[in-house]
Amino acid sequence: MSATSATSVKLEPDVKERLQRLADARHRKPHWLMREAIGQYVEREEKRQAFYDDARKAWEEYQATGLHVTGEEVEAWLTELEAGNDVEPPKCHR
């Protein structure tokens, strides 16, 4: 088992009550629910950050090279894939 460390979280009284109700309904401790919620939030936000990082990198690459595909080219490619045709993606161009 990996080591853990304690962290204090201050909650509004109404949130604390709601958390306790959920914990009771799920036969869990509020601590477990908070760990689950924080873990899911961190995972989701890491994925969101990776998406933003990829988008920024793609934009910078486009600005440097001018290479792109049009929306129409992508739409035509996706239509072919949807029809079951195994086609190559459109080539980037200027």
Foldseek 3Di string as FASTA:
>chain_A
DDDDDDDDDDDDPVVVVVLCVVCVVVVHDSVVVVVVVVVVVVVVVVVVVVVVVVVVVVVVVCVVPVWDDDPVQQVVVVVCVVVVHDDDRDGTDD
